[in-house]
Amino acid sequence: MNYRRLGRSGLKVSELSFGSWVTYGNQLGEDLARECMAAAHDAGVNFFDNAEVYARGQSERLMGNAFRKLGWQRESFVVSTKFFWGLNDGPNGKNTLNRKYLMAAIDGSLERLQLDYVDLVFCHRPDPDTPIEETVWAMHDIIRAGKAHYWGTSEWSAAAIVAAWQIAERAHLAKPVMEQPQYNLFHRERVEVEYAPLYEELGLGLTTWSPLASGLLTGKYNAGVPAGSRATVKGYEWLAERIVDPEKIAKVRQLVPIAKELACTPGQLSLAWCIKNPRVSSVITGASRPDQVVENMKALEIVPKLTSDVMARIESVFGAKASGS
């Protein structure tokens, strides 16, 4: 496993990380959740991603129980959580980044995770109804209270990230360090174009999600939606609609022969492609079984095989590299 600095910060995260979205509390119970985390840790993964909203808090509980039973030294792993959607109804309990919500949300997450602090805390989506200055001050105070070490954003516009950074700069507050955007062969514009100026100007780091486009890039949906896949999970019907896109499936089929030549699966090739981007600090992977974790980790062996010729072949299938990156 290789480790990269999280943007301009001194924190190092594994190139591949492990996240709990969809799986924890929906597809996995406590034992499997712990086994998947153990397999990832054994492979050198040190970053474990979570969010308050995942399975309405149950995902954090499962991960917290796993940390307690696995007994790892706290300094050996990095944990994140994310806030925005909330767990309670009411004007200050959901879809907000106001101070009242954030200060309560961090305490709830720490209790569920059974930790004294998280390493990374993300504003899970932008909140147009709360002044950015209020959110920046709340995140600063969470960090100064020792409840998190770094804060960042997820799916914010470049303009909003710059605004938050500038507010923090002027007031000598903790600045946003990282963004968590979707990034895969089908979804590239934000990482490669919109955020391009921020890597040098602000030192922005990325922990990217959905590297396999919700499993589409593994090729397992080439013949339809198989039973037991995440697209069949209740509440994720919207995912199935996206996955059965004939145009995208046709492109995945063209990825198969390239993967075969490199002695890997389309999924491993797609993960390796994400890792190849030096702007990406960590690529978040998911799995519902320990053997899937092991298979995902093999993508690290494929990265050196991604020569300029191979990258050009991939680009010929998915389109030219986005300009400005």
C-alpha atoms as a PDB file:
ATOM      1  CA  MET A   1       0.000   0.000   0.000  1.00  0.00           C
ATOM      2  CA  ASN A   2       1.167   3.494  -0.809  1.00  0.00           C
ATOM      3  CA  TYR A   3       0.181   6.546   1.211  1.00  0.00           C
ATOM      4  CA  ARG A   4      -0.438  10.064  -0.039  1.00  0.00           C
ATOM      5  CA  ARG A   5      -0.665  13.384   1.752  1.00  0.00           C
ATOM      6  CA  LEU A   6      -4.183  14.687   2.057  1.00  0.00           C
ATOM      7  CA  GLY A   7      -3.706  17.733  -0.118  1.00  0.00           C
ATOM      8  CA  ARG A   8      -1.281  20.154   1.488  1.00  0.00           C
ATOM      9  CA  SER A   9      -1.855  18.774   4.978  1.00  0.00           C
ATOM     10  CA  GLY A  10       0.656  16.539   6.716  1.00  0.00           C
ATOM     11  CA  LEU A  11      -1.851  13.691   7.082  1.00  0.00           C
ATOM     12  CA  LYS A  12      -1.141  10.586   5.007  1.00  0.00           C
ATOM     13  CA  VAL A  13      -3.965   8.341   3.803  1.00  0.00           C
ATOM     14  CA  SER A  14      -3.851   5.046   1.945  1.00  0.00           C
ATOM     15  CA  GLU A  15      -4.321   5.265  -1.817  1.00  0.00           C
ATOM     16  CA  LEU A  16      -7.254   2.900  -1.461  1.00  0.00           C
ATOM     17  CA  SER A  17      -9.595   3.381   1.480  1.00  0.00           C
ATOM     18  CA  PHE A  18     -12.699   1.615   2.772  1.00  0.00           C
ATOM     19  CA  GLY A  19     -16.145   3.170   2.967  1.00  0.00           C
ATOM     20  CA  SER A  20     -19.454   2.014   4.404  1.00  0.00           C
ATOM     21  CA  TRP A  21     -22.000   3.711   2.116  1.00  0.00           C
ATOM     22  CA  VAL A  22     -24.937   1.425   1.089  1.00  0.00           C
ATOM     23  CA  THR A  23     -23.393  -1.732   2.571  1.00  0.00           C
ATOM     24  CA  TYR A  24     -23.266  -1.115   6.338  1.00  0.00           C
ATOM     25  CA  GLY A  25     -26.661  -1.506   7.933  1.00  0.00           C
ATOM     26  CA  ASN A  26     -28.239  -2.477   4.610  1.00  0.00           C
ATOM     27  CA  GLN A  27     -26.267  -5.429   3.230  1.00  0.00           C
ATOM     28  CA  LEU A  28     -23.856  -6.181   6.092  1.00  0.00           C
ATOM     29  CA  GLY A  29     -24.361  -7.124   9.706  1.00  0.00           C
ATOM     30  CA  GLU A  30     -21.833  -6.631  12.462  1.00  0.00           C
ATOM     31  CA  ASP A  31     -19.631  -9.687  11.817  1.00  0.00           C
ATOM     32  CA  LEU A  32     -19.224  -9.132   8.081  1.00  0.00           C
ATOM     33  CA  ALA A  33     -18.675  -5.422   8.590  1.00  0.00           C
ATOM     34  CA  ARG A  34     -15.830  -6.157  10.996  1.00  0.00           C
ATOM     35  CA  GLU A  35     -14.333  -8.833   8.713  1.00  0.00           C
ATOM     36  CA  CYS A  36     -14.309  -6.446   5.745  1.00  0.00           C
ATOM     37  CA  MET A  37     -12.577  -3.764   7.798  1.00  0.00           C
ATOM     38  CA  ALA A  38     -10.021  -6.274   9.049  1.00  0.00           C
ATOM     39  CA  ALA A  39      -9.277  -7.391   5.489  1.00  0.00           C
ATOM     40  CA  ALA A  40      -8.808  -3.791   4.405  1.00  0.00           C
ATOM     41  CA  HIS A  41      -6.549  -3.015   7.379  1.00  0.00           C
ATOM     42  CA  ASP A  42      -4.483  -6.143   6.679  1.00  0.00           C
ATOM     43  CA  ALA A  43      -3.942  -4.811   3.138  1.00  0.00           C
ATOM     44  CA  GLY A  44      -2.598  -1.530   4.495  1.00  0.00           C
ATOM     45  CA  VAL A  45      -5.758   0.579   4.373  1.00  0.00           C
ATOM     46  CA  ASN A  46      -5.619   3.240   7.075  1.00  0.00           C
ATOM     47  CA  PHE A  47      -8.612   5.418   6.083  1.00  0.00           C
ATOM     48  CA  PHE A  48     -12.201   4.375   6.891  1.00  0.00           C
ATOM     49  CA  ASP A  49     -14.990   6.586   5.586  1.00  0.00           C
ATOM     50  CA  ASN A  50     -18.453   6.971   7.102  1.00  0.00           C
ATOM     51  CA  ALA A  51     -21.306   9.477   7.449  1.00  0.00           C
ATOM     52  CA  GLU A  52     -24.021  10.266   9.938  1.00  0.00           C
ATOM     53  CA  VAL A  53     -26.763   9.633   7.386  1.00  0.00           C
ATOM     54  CA  TYR A  54     -25.570   6.189   6.244  1.00  0.00           C
ATOM     55  CA  ALA A  55     -28.276   3.745   7.366  1.00  0.00           C
ATOM     56  CA  ARG A  56     -29.475   6.541   9.653  1.00  0.00           C
ATOM     57  CA  GLY A  57     -26.600   6.194  12.096  1.00  0.00           C
ATOM     58  CA  GLN A  58     -26.404   2.411  12.038  1.00  0.00           C
ATOM     59  CA  SER A  59     -23.354   2.486   9.771  1.00  0.00           C
ATOM     60  CA  GLU A  60     -21.428   4.469  12.359  1.00  0.00           C
ATOM     61  CA  ARG A  61     -22.545   2.085  15.100  1.00  0.00           C
ATOM     62  CA  LEU A  62     -21.335  -0.949  13.134  1.00  0.00           C
ATOM     63  CA  MET A  63     -17.998   0.680  12.422  1.00  0.00           C
ATOM     64  CA  GLY A  64     -17.637   1.788  16.027  1.00  0.00           C
ATOM     65  CA  ASN A  65     -18.295  -1.737  17.295  1.00  0.00           C
ATOM     66  CA  ALA A  66     -15.701  -3.029  14.837  1.00  0.00           C
ATOM     67  CA  PHE A  67     -13.063  -0.567  16.042  1.00  0.00           C
ATOM     68  CA  ARG A  68     -13.713  -1.608  19.623  1.00  0.00           C
ATOM     69  CA  LYS A  69     -13.502  -5.343  18.929  1.00  0.00           C
ATOM     70  CA  LEU A  70     -10.542  -5.149  16.553  1.00  0.00           C
ATOM     71  CA  GLY A  71      -8.588  -3.172  19.146  1.00  0.00           C
ATOM     72  CA  TRP A  72      -6.401  -1.231  16.732  1.00  0.00           C
ATOM     73  CA  GLN A  73      -4.215   1.557  18.083  1.00  0.00           C
ATOM     74  CA  ARG A  74      -6.083   4.801  17.463  1.00  0.00           C
ATOM     75  CA  GLU A  75      -3.138   6.502  15.796  1.00  0.00           C
ATOM     76  CA  SER A  76      -2.951   3.704  13.202  1.00  0.00           C
ATOM     77  CA  PHE A  77      -6.200   4.575  11.398  1.00  0.00           C
ATOM     78  CA  VAL A  78      -8.014   7.593  10.007  1.00  0.00           C
ATOM     79  CA  VAL A  79     -11.798   7.943  10.351  1.00  0.00           C
ATOM     80  CA  SER A  80     -14.213  10.345   8.720  1.00  0.00           C
ATOM     81  CA  THR A  81     -17.830  11.277   9.105  1.00  0.00           C
ATOM     82  CA  LYS A  82     -20.058  13.709   7.219  1.00  0.00           C
ATOM     83  CA  PHE A  83     -22.917  16.037   8.149  1.00  0.00           C
ATOM     84  CA  PHE A  84     -25.818  17.657   6.321  1.00  0.00           C
ATOM     85  CA  TRP A  85     -28.908  15.483   5.960  1.00  0.00           C
ATOM     86  CA  GLY A  86     -29.347  14.835   9.679  1.00  0.00           C
ATOM     87  CA  LEU A  87     -31.211  12.120  11.555  1.00  0.00           C
ATOM     88  CA  ASN A  88     -34.136  14.134  12.881  1.00  0.00           C
ATOM     89  CA  ASP A  89     -36.965  16.127  11.371  1.00  0.00           C
ATOM     90  CA  GLY A  90     -37.409  19.776  12.142  1.00  0.00           C
ATOM     91  CA  PRO A  91     -36.071  23.049  10.747  1.00  0.00           C
ATOM     92  CA  ASN A  92     -32.700  22.647  12.483  1.00  0.00           C
ATOM     93  CA  GLY A  93     -32.383  18.879  12.257  1.00  0.00           C
ATOM     94  CA  LYS A  94     -32.027  18.076   8.576  1.00  0.00           C
ATOM     95  CA  ASN A  95     -30.591  19.457   5.339  1.00  0.00           C
ATOM     96  CA  THR A  96     -28.570  22.099   7.124  1.00  0.00           C
ATOM     97  CA  LEU A  97     -25.066  23.163   8.056  1.00  0.00           C
ATOM     98  CA  ASN A  98     -26.078  25.630  10.745  1.00  0.00           C
ATOM     99  CA  ARG A  99     -24.125  25.812  13.980  1.00  0.00           C
ATOM    100  CA  LYS A 100     -26.840  24.318  16.169  1.00  0.00           C
ATOM    101  CA  TYR A 101     -27.042  21.166  14.064  1.00  0.00           C
ATOM    102  CA  LEU A 102     -23.305  20.723  13.515  1.00  0.00           C
ATOM    103  CA  MET A 103     -22.327  21.041  17.179  1.00  0.00           C
ATOM    104  CA  ALA A 104     -24.863  18.375  18.147  1.00  0.00           C
ATOM    105  CA  ALA A 105     -24.134  16.149  15.147  1.00  0.00           C
ATOM    106  CA  ILE A 106     -20.445  15.711  15.952  1.00  0.00           C
ATOM    107  CA  ASP A 107     -21.266  14.544  19.492  1.00  0.00           C
ATOM    108  CA  GLY A 108     -23.778  12.024  18.162  1.00  0.00           C
ATOM    109  CA  SER A 109     -21.318  10.603  15.661  1.00  0.00           C
ATOM    110  CA  LEU A 110     -18.540  10.271  18.216  1.00  0.00           C
ATOM    111  CA  GLU A 111     -20.892   8.391  20.519  1.00  0.00           C
ATOM    112  CA  ARG A 112     -21.928   5.972  17.756  1.00  0.00           C
ATOM    113  CA  LEU A 113     -18.333   5.493  16.585  1.00  0.00           C
ATOM    114  CA  GLN A 114     -17.160   5.075  20.197  1.00  0.00           C
ATOM    115  CA  LEU A 115     -14.284   7.469  19.531  1.00  0.00           C
ATOM    116  CA  ASP A 116     -12.974  10.590  21.237  1.00  0.00           C
ATOM    117  CA  TYR A 117     -12.439  12.261  17.853  1.00  0.00           C
ATOM    118  CA  VAL A 118     -12.688  11.718  14.110  1.00  0.00           C
ATOM    119  CA  ASP A 119      -9.779  12.645  11.896  1.00  0.00           C
ATOM    120  CA  LEU A 120     -11.843  14.103   9.058  1.00  0.00           C
ATOM    121  CA  VAL A 121     -15.245  15.766   9.144  1.00  0.00           C
ATOM    122  CA  PHE A 122     -17.023  16.748   5.931  1.00  0.00           C
ATOM    123  CA  CYS A 123     -19.872  19.096   5.144  1.00  0.00           C
ATOM    124  CA  HIS A 124     -21.730  16.450   3.153  1.00  0.00           C
ATOM    125  CA  ARG A 125     -23.447  18.890   0.789  1.00  0.00           C
ATOM    126  CA  PRO A 126     -23.638  22.690   0.491  1.00  0.00           C
ATOM    127  CA  ASP A 127     -26.346  24.516   2.414  1.00  0.00           C
ATOM    128  CA  PRO A 128     -27.636  27.588   0.556  1.00  0.00           C
ATOM    129  CA  ASP A 129     -29.706  28.668   3.577  1.00  0.00           C
ATOM    130  CA  THR A 130     -26.809  28.998   6.024  1.00  0.00           C
ATOM    131  CA  PRO A 131     -24.117  31.651   5.616  1.00  0.00           C
ATOM    132  CA  ILE A 132     -20.819  29.981   4.767  1.00  0.00           C
ATOM    133  CA  GLU A 133     -19.181  32.033   7.525  1.00  0.00           C
ATOM    134  CA  GLU A 134     -21.409  30.389  10.145  1.00  0.00           C
ATOM    135  CA  THR A 135     -20.477  26.915   8.876  1.00  0.00           C
ATOM    136  CA  VAL A 136     -16.764  27.761   8.767  1.00  0.00           C
ATOM    137  CA  TRP A 137     -16.821  28.991  12.376  1.00  0.00           C
ATOM    138  CA  ALA A 138     -18.667  25.852  13.530  1.00  0.00           C
ATOM    139  CA  MET A 139     -16.183  23.554  11.800  1.00  0.00           C
ATOM    140  CA  HIS A 140     -13.296  25.553  13.276  1.00  0.00           C
ATOM    141  CA  ASP A 141     -14.761  25.203  16.765  1.00  0.00           C
ATOM    142  CA  ILE A 142     -15.250  21.433  16.306  1.00  0.00           C
ATOM    143  CA  ILE A 143     -11.564  21.151  15.457  1.00  0.00           C
ATOM    144  CA  ARG A 144     -10.421  23.417  18.252  1.00  0.00           C
ATOM    145  CA  ALA A 145     -12.485  21.341  20.693  1.00  0.00           C
ATOM    146  CA  GLY A 146     -10.430  18.305  19.650  1.00  0.00           C
ATOM    147  CA  LYS A 147     -13.427  16.484  18.164  1.00  0.00           C
ATOM    148  CA  ALA A 148     -11.899  16.417  14.655  1.00  0.00           C
ATOM    149  CA  HIS A 149      -8.489  17.130  13.151  1.00  0.00           C
ATOM    150  CA  TYR A 150      -9.362  18.362   9.650  1.00  0.00           C
ATOM    151  CA  TRP A 151     -12.507  19.511   7.909  1.00  0.00           C
ATOM    152  CA  GLY A 152     -13.606  19.620   4.320  1.00  0.00           C
ATOM    153  CA  THR A 153     -16.503  19.508   1.920  1.00  0.00           C
ATOM    154  CA  SER A 154     -18.332  17.016  -0.286  1.00  0.00           C
ATOM    155  CA  GLU A 155     -19.788  17.975  -3.654  1.00  0.00           C
ATOM    156  CA  TRP A 156     -19.378  21.708  -3.082  1.00  0.00           C
ATOM    157  CA  SER A 157     -18.766  24.001  -6.022  1.00  0.00           C
ATOM    158  CA  ALA A 158     -15.264  25.349  -6.482  1.00  0.00           C
ATOM    159  CA  ALA A 159     -16.603  28.850  -5.808  1.00  0.00           C
ATOM    160  CA  ALA A 160     -18.104  27.809  -2.469  1.00  0.00           C
ATOM    161  CA  ILE A 161     -14.885  26.065  -1.415  1.00  0.00           C
ATOM    162  CA  VAL A 162     -12.877  29.191  -2.242  1.00  0.00           C
ATOM    163  CA  ALA A 163     -15.351  31.339  -0.309  1.00  0.00           C
ATOM    164  CA  ALA A 164     -15.025  29.116   2.775  1.00  0.00           C
ATOM    165  CA  TRP A 165     -11.227  29.072   2.487  1.00  0.00           C
ATOM    166  CA  GLN A 166     -11.049  32.855   2.203  1.00  0.00           C
ATOM    167  CA  ILE A 167     -13.303  33.372   5.231  1.00  0.00           C
ATOM    168  CA  ALA A 168     -11.067  31.060   7.248  1.00  0.00           C
ATOM    169  CA  GLU A 169      -7.936  32.792   5.967  1.00  0.00           C
ATOM    170  CA  ARG A 170      -9.164  36.255   6.953  1.00  0.00           C
ATOM    171  CA  ALA A 171     -10.304  35.185  10.419  1.00  0.00           C
ATOM    172  CA  HIS A 172      -7.344  32.845  11.068  1.00  0.00           C
ATOM    173  CA  LEU A 173      -9.656  29.831  11.339  1.00  0.00           C
ATOM    174  CA  ALA A 174      -9.128  26.193  10.389  1.00  0.00           C
ATOM    175  CA  LYS A 175      -9.357  26.038   6.591  1.00  0.00           C
ATOM    176  CA  PRO A 176     -11.109  23.344   4.547  1.00  0.00           C
ATOM    177  CA  VAL A 177      -8.433  20.807   3.628  1.00  0.00           C
ATOM    178  CA  MET A 178     -10.226  18.263   1.436  1.00  0.00           C
ATOM    179  CA  GLU A 179     -13.174  17.588  -0.856  1.00  0.00           C
ATOM    180  CA  GLN A 180     -15.028  14.331  -1.402  1.00  0.00           C
ATOM    181  CA  PRO A 181     -16.398  14.319  -4.953  1.00  0.00           C
ATOM    182  CA  GLN A 182     -17.625  11.517  -7.140  1.00  0.00           C
ATOM    183  CA  TYR A 183     -14.875  10.482  -9.566  1.00  0.00           C
ATOM    184  CA  ASN A 184     -14.835   7.670 -12.084  1.00  0.00           C
ATOM    185  CA  LEU A 185     -14.522   7.063 -15.816  1.00  0.00           C
ATOM    186  CA  PHE A 186     -18.057   8.314 -16.328  1.00  0.00           C
ATOM    187  CA  HIS A 187     -17.880  11.284 -13.949  1.00  0.00           C
ATOM    188  CA  ARG A 188     -14.812  13.463 -14.387  1.00  0.00           C
ATOM    189  CA  GLU A 189     -15.619  17.119 -15.035  1.00  0.00           C
ATOM    190  CA  ARG A 190     -15.621  18.396 -11.453  1.00  0.00           C
ATOM    191  CA  VAL A 191     -12.312  16.769 -10.455  1.00  0.00           C
ATOM    192  CA  GLU A 192     -10.454  17.398 -13.705  1.00  0.00           C
ATOM    193  CA  VAL A 193     -11.794  20.828 -14.670  1.00  0.00           C
ATOM    194  CA  GLU A 194     -13.796  22.696 -12.014  1.00  0.00           C
ATOM    195  CA  TYR A 195     -11.418  21.982  -9.135  1.00  0.00           C
ATOM    196  CA  ALA A 196      -8.229  22.207 -11.232  1.00  0.00           C
ATOM    197  CA  PRO A 197      -7.116  25.635  -9.906  1.00  0.00           C
ATOM    198  CA  LEU A 198      -7.716  24.623  -6.273  1.00  0.00           C
ATOM    199  CA  TYR A 199      -5.037  21.954  -6.024  1.00  0.00           C
ATOM    200  CA  GLU A 200      -2.187  24.469  -6.255  1.00  0.00           C
ATOM    201  CA  GLU A 201      -3.960  27.587  -5.003  1.00  0.00           C
ATOM    202  CA  LEU A 202      -5.533  26.075  -1.867  1.00  0.00           C
ATOM    203  CA  GLY A 203      -3.711  22.767  -1.530  1.00  0.00           C
ATOM    204  CA  LEU A 204      -6.998  20.885  -1.845  1.00  0.00           C
ATOM    205  CA  GLY A 205      -6.899  17.116  -1.294  1.00  0.00           C
ATOM    206  CA  LEU A 206      -9.456  14.612  -2.609  1.00  0.00           C
ATOM    207  CA  THR A 207     -11.018  11.498  -1.116  1.00  0.00           C
ATOM    208  CA  THR A 208     -13.121  10.362  -4.054  1.00  0.00           C
ATOM    209  CA  TRP A 209     -16.257   8.223  -3.979  1.00  0.00           C
ATOM    210  CA  SER A 210     -17.976   5.840  -6.413  1.00  0.00           C
ATOM    211  CA  PRO A 211     -14.831   4.866  -8.369  1.00  0.00           C
ATOM    212  CA  LEU A 212     -16.762   1.967  -9.911  1.00  0.00           C
ATOM    213  CA  ALA A 213     -19.850   4.063 -10.730  1.00  0.00           C
ATOM    214  CA  SER A 214     -21.925   2.085  -8.193  1.00  0.00           C
ATOM    215  CA  GLY A 215     -20.610  -1.190  -9.588  1.00  0.00           C
ATOM    216  CA  LEU A 216     -21.310  -0.450 -13.249  1.00  0.00           C
ATOM    217  CA  LEU A 217     -17.592  -0.419 -14.097  1.00  0.00           C
ATOM    218  CA  THR A 218     -17.098  -3.930 -12.711  1.00  0.00           C
ATOM    219  CA  GLY A 219     -19.051  -5.314 -15.649  1.00  0.00           C
ATOM    220  CA  LYS A 220     -21.444  -7.236 -13.419  1.00  0.00           C
ATOM    221  CA  TYR A 221     -24.407  -5.310 -14.842  1.00  0.00           C
ATOM    222  CA  ASN A 222     -23.534  -5.993 -18.480  1.00  0.00           C
ATOM    223  CA  ALA A 223     -26.264  -8.637 -18.652  1.00  0.00           C
ATOM    224  CA  GLY A 224     -28.749  -6.980 -16.303  1.00  0.00           C
ATOM    225  CA  VAL A 225     -29.073  -6.373 -12.550  1.00  0.00           C
ATOM    226  CA  PRO A 226     -28.084  -9.513 -10.576  1.00  0.00           C
ATOM    227  CA  ALA A 227     -29.901 -10.465  -7.391  1.00  0.00           C
ATOM    228  CA  GLY A 228     -28.198  -9.311  -4.196  1.00  0.00           C
ATOM    229  CA  SER A 229     -26.366  -6.399  -5.802  1.00  0.00           C
ATOM    230  CA  ARG A 230     -26.585  -2.924  -4.292  1.00  0.00           C
ATOM    231  CA  ALA A 231     -28.960  -1.892  -7.087  1.00  0.00           C
ATOM    232  CA  THR A 232     -31.537  -4.260  -5.570  1.00  0.00           C
ATOM    233  CA  VAL A 233     -31.292  -2.772  -2.061  1.00  0.00           C
ATOM    234  CA  LYS A 234     -34.572  -1.209  -0.921  1.00  0.00           C
ATOM    235  CA  GLY A 235     -34.424   2.550  -1.229  1.00  0.00           C
ATOM    236  CA  TYR A 236     -31.812   2.454  -3.997  1.00  0.00           C
ATOM    237  CA  GLU A 237     -34.146   1.946  -6.933  1.00  0.00           C
ATOM    238  CA  TRP A 238     -32.750   5.151  -8.444  1.00  0.00           C
ATOM    239  CA  LEU A 239     -29.404   3.361  -8.658  1.00  0.00           C
ATOM    240  CA  ALA A 240     -30.840   0.567 -10.779  1.00  0.00           C
ATOM    241  CA  GLU A 241     -32.219   3.128 -13.231  1.00  0.00           C
ATOM    242  CA  ARG A 242     -28.766   4.651 -13.677  1.00  0.00           C
ATOM    243  CA  ILE A 243     -27.018   1.320 -13.996  1.00  0.00           C
ATOM    244  CA  VAL A 244     -29.081  -0.079 -16.846  1.00  0.00           C
ATOM    245  CA  ASP A 245     -27.927   2.677 -19.217  1.00  0.00           C
ATOM    246  CA  PRO A 246     -27.253   0.922 -22.577  1.00  0.00           C
ATOM    247  CA  GLU A 247     -24.706   3.523 -23.688  1.00  0.00           C
ATOM    248  CA  LYS A 248     -22.653   3.169 -20.506  1.00  0.00           C
ATOM    249  CA  ILE A 249     -22.850  -0.632 -20.545  1.00  0.00           C
ATOM    250  CA  ALA A 250     -21.547  -0.593 -24.122  1.00  0.00           C
ATOM    251  CA  LYS A 251     -18.473   1.332 -22.932  1.00  0.00           C
ATOM    252  CA  VAL A 252     -17.871  -1.055 -20.050  1.00  0.00           C
ATOM    253  CA  ARG A 253     -17.920  -3.951 -22.496  1.00  0.00           C
ATOM    254  CA  GLN A 254     -15.134  -2.231 -24.436  1.00  0.00           C
ATOM    255  CA  LEU A 255     -13.130  -2.008 -21.207  1.00  0.00           C
ATOM    256  CA  VAL A 256     -13.162  -5.794 -20.769  1.00  0.00           C
ATOM    257  CA  PRO A 257     -10.498  -6.677 -23.404  1.00  0.00           C
ATOM    258  CA  ILE A 258      -8.154  -3.974 -22.078  1.00  0.00           C
ATOM    259  CA  ALA A 259      -8.493  -5.436 -18.577  1.00  0.00           C
ATOM    260  CA  LYS A 260      -7.845  -8.958 -19.869  1.00  0.00           C
ATOM    261  CA  GLU A 261      -4.596  -7.844 -21.484  1.00  0.00           C
ATOM    262  CA  LEU A 262      -3.472  -6.445 -18.124  1.00  0.00           C
ATOM    263  CA  ALA A 263      -4.542  -9.646 -16.320  1.00  0.00           C
ATOM    264  CA  CYS A 264      -7.115  -7.884 -14.173  1.00  0.00           C
ATOM    265  CA  THR A 265     -10.848  -7.294 -13.948  1.00  0.00           C
ATOM    266  CA  PRO A 266     -12.630  -4.213 -15.342  1.00  0.00           C
ATOM    267  CA  GLY A 267     -13.253  -3.140 -11.760  1.00  0.00           C
ATOM    268  CA  GLN A 268      -9.583  -3.340 -10.817  1.00  0.00           C
ATOM    269  CA  LEU A 269      -8.665  -1.427 -13.960  1.00  0.00           C
ATOM    270  CA  SER A 270     -11.194   1.289 -13.121  1.00  0.00           C
ATOM    271  CA  LEU A 271      -9.850   1.633  -9.582  1.00  0.00           C
ATOM    272  CA  ALA A 272      -6.285   1.797 -10.879  1.00  0.00           C
ATOM    273  CA  TRP A 273      -7.334   4.536 -13.321  1.00  0.00           C
ATOM    274  CA  CYS A 274      -8.594   6.649 -10.402  1.00  0.00           C
ATOM    275  CA  ILE A 275      -5.414   6.066  -8.392  1.00  0.00           C
ATOM    276  CA  LYS A 276      -3.362   7.133 -11.410  1.00  0.00           C
ATOM    277  CA  ASN A 277      -4.576  10.717 -10.951  1.00  0.00           C
ATOM    278  CA  PRO A 278      -1.998  12.333  -8.613  1.00  0.00           C
ATOM    279  CA  ARG A 279      -4.598  14.847  -7.404  1.00  0.00           C
ATOM    280  CA  VAL A 280      -6.560  12.045  -5.742  1.00  0.00           C
ATOM    281  CA  SER A 281      -5.370  11.466  -2.181  1.00  0.00           C
ATOM    282  CA  SER A 282      -7.482   8.353  -1.593  1.00  0.00           C
ATOM    283  CA  VAL A 283     -10.002   6.328  -3.597  1.00  0.00           C
ATOM    284  CA  ILE A 284     -12.853   5.098  -1.404  1.00  0.00           C
ATOM    285  CA  THR A 285     -13.851   1.495  -2.086  1.00  0.00           C
ATOM    286  CA  GLY A 286     -16.771  -0.522  -0.770  1.00  0.00           C
ATOM    287  CA  ALA A 287     -17.374  -4.227  -0.341  1.00  0.00           C
ATOM    288  CA  SER A 288     -19.962  -6.597   1.072  1.00  0.00           C
ATOM    289  CA  ARG A 289     -17.525  -9.490   1.585  1.00  0.00           C
ATOM    290  CA  PRO A 290     -13.886  -9.746   2.685  1.00  0.00           C
ATOM    291  CA  ASP A 291     -12.898 -11.416  -0.601  1.00  0.00           C
ATOM    292  CA  GLN A 292     -14.210  -8.352  -2.454  1.00  0.00           C
ATOM    293  CA  VAL A 293     -11.900  -6.206  -0.348  1.00  0.00           C
ATOM    294  CA  VAL A 294      -8.957  -8.393  -1.346  1.00  0.00           C
ATOM    295  CA  GLU A 295      -9.927  -8.193  -5.020  1.00  0.00           C
ATOM    296  CA  ASN A 296     -10.197  -4.413  -4.879  1.00  0.00           C
ATOM    297  CA  MET A 297      -6.758  -4.114  -3.325  1.00  0.00           C
ATOM    298  CA  LYS A 298      -5.215  -5.879  -6.326  1.00  0.00           C
ATOM    299  CA  ALA A 299      -5.878  -2.689  -8.281  1.00  0.00           C
ATOM    300  CA  LEU A 300      -2.682  -1.322  -6.719  1.00  0.00           C
ATOM    301  CA  GLU A 301      -0.707  -3.817  -8.809  1.00  0.00           C
ATOM    302  CA  ILE A 302      -2.303  -2.510 -12.006  1.00  0.00           C
ATOM    303  CA  VAL A 303      -1.357   1.157 -11.607  1.00  0.00           C
ATOM    304  CA  PRO A 304       2.244   0.664 -12.891  1.00  0.00           C
ATOM    305  CA  LYS A 305       0.806  -1.064 -15.971  1.00  0.00           C
ATOM    306  CA  LEU A 306      -1.175   2.021 -16.973  1.00  0.00           C
ATOM    307  CA  THR A 307       1.249   3.260 -19.597  1.00  0.00           C
ATOM    308  CA  SER A 308       0.453   6.219 -21.816  1.00  0.00           C
ATOM    309  CA  ASP A 309      -0.669   3.774 -24.510  1.00  0.00           C
ATOM    310  CA  VAL A 310      -3.068   1.991 -22.165  1.00  0.00           C
ATOM    311  CA  MET A 311      -4.430   5.301 -20.876  1.00  0.00           C
ATOM    312  CA  ALA A 312      -4.979   6.433 -24.479  1.00  0.00           C
ATOM    313  CA  ARG A 313      -6.953   3.273 -25.221  1.00  0.00           C
ATOM    314  CA  ILE A 314      -9.141   3.881 -22.179  1.00  0.00           C
ATOM    315  CA  GLU A 315      -9.646   7.488 -23.241  1.00  0.00           C
ATOM    316  CA  SER A 316     -10.693   6.327 -26.717  1.00  0.00           C
ATOM    317  CA  VAL A 317     -13.576   4.433 -25.090  1.00  0.00           C
ATOM    318  CA  PHE A 318     -14.679   6.986 -22.506  1.00  0.00           C
ATOM    319  CA  GLY A 319     -13.732  10.215 -24.255  1.00  0.00           C
ATOM    320  CA  ALA A 320     -10.748  12.506 -24.243  1.00  0.00           C
ATOM    321  CA  LYS A 321      -9.364  13.646 -20.914  1.00  0.00           C
ATOM    322  CA  ALA A 322     -11.240  16.625 -19.607  1.00  0.00           C
ATOM    323  CA  SER A 323      -9.576  19.911 -20.489  1.00  0.00           C
ATOM    324  CA  GLY A 324      -7.973  22.024 -17.809  1.00  0.00           C
ATOM    325  CA  SER A 325      -6.677  19.056 -15.752  1.00  0.00           C
END
